[in-house]
């Protein structure tokens, strides 16, 4: 799951300007969200994570 969270944060960082502190908070938020997902596919998790951040 760590790979998916890294991919989410890298992609989200290209779309939105965020500070280091905001990234840290969002990273923990995304990790918590993805840990509840039944999927184990890293690609699917990354998509779900980006979708979560875009609607947040």
Protein backbone atom coordinates (compact mmCIF):
# COMPACT_ATOMS: atom_id res chain seq x y z
CA UNK A 1 0.00 0.00 0.00
CA UNK A 2 2.94 2.35 0.60
CA UNK A 3 3.68 2.36 -3.13
CA UNK A 4 0.10 3.40 -3.89
CA UNK A 5 0.24 6.21 -1.32
CA UNK A 6 3.54 7.43 -2.79
CA UNK A 7 2.02 7.45 -6.29
CA UNK A 8 -1.06 9.30 -5.07
CA UNK A 9 0.99 11.97 -3.34
CA UNK A 10 3.33 12.39 -6.31
CA UNK A 11 0.44 12.83 -8.74
CA UNK A 12 -1.55 15.05 -6.38
CA UNK A 13 1.53 17.21 -5.79
CA UNK A 14 1.67 17.88 -9.53
CA UNK A 15 -1.97 18.99 -9.58
CA UNK A 16 -2.07 21.09 -6.40
CA UNK A 17 0.54 23.18 -4.63
CA UNK A 18 0.84 21.86 -1.08
CA UNK A 19 3.29 22.50 1.73
CA UNK A 20 5.35 19.80 3.39
CA UNK A 21 3.04 19.88 6.40
CA UNK A 22 -0.05 19.55 4.25
CA UNK A 23 1.53 16.64 2.39
CA UNK A 24 2.27 14.87 5.65
CA UNK A 25 -1.32 15.29 6.81
CA UNK A 26 -2.79 14.24 3.47
CA UNK A 27 -0.46 11.25 3.26
CA UNK A 28 -1.73 9.96 6.61
CA UNK A 29 -5.32 10.67 5.55
CA UNK A 30 -4.94 8.77 2.27
CA UNK A 31 -3.20 5.85 3.98
CA UNK A 32 -6.08 5.58 6.44
CA UNK A 33 -8.63 5.72 3.64
CA UNK A 34 -6.84 3.09 1.55
CA UNK A 35 -6.35 0.75 4.50
CA UNK A 36 -10.14 0.32 4.57
CA UNK A 37 -10.22 -0.66 0.89
CA UNK A 38 -10.70 -4.34 0.08
CA UNK A 39 -8.51 -3.98 -3.03
CA UNK A 40 -4.88 -5.09 -2.94
CA UNK A 41 -4.01 -3.95 -6.46
CA UNK A 42 -1.55 -1.04 -6.22
CA UNK A 43 -2.88 0.59 -9.41
CA UNK A 44 -6.48 0.45 -8.22
CA UNK A 45 -5.48 1.77 -4.80
CA UNK A 46 -3.67 4.71 -6.41
CA UNK A 47 -6.76 5.57 -8.45
CA UNK A 48 -8.98 5.33 -5.39
CA UNK A 49 -6.57 7.52 -3.43
CA UNK A 50 -6.52 10.23 -6.10
CA UNK A 51 -10.27 10.12 -6.39
CA UNK A 52 -10.52 10.51 -2.61
CA UNK A 53 -8.23 13.55 -2.55
CA UNK A 54 -9.97 15.23 -5.49
CA UNK A 55 -13.35 14.99 -3.74
CA UNK A 56 -12.02 16.01 -0.36
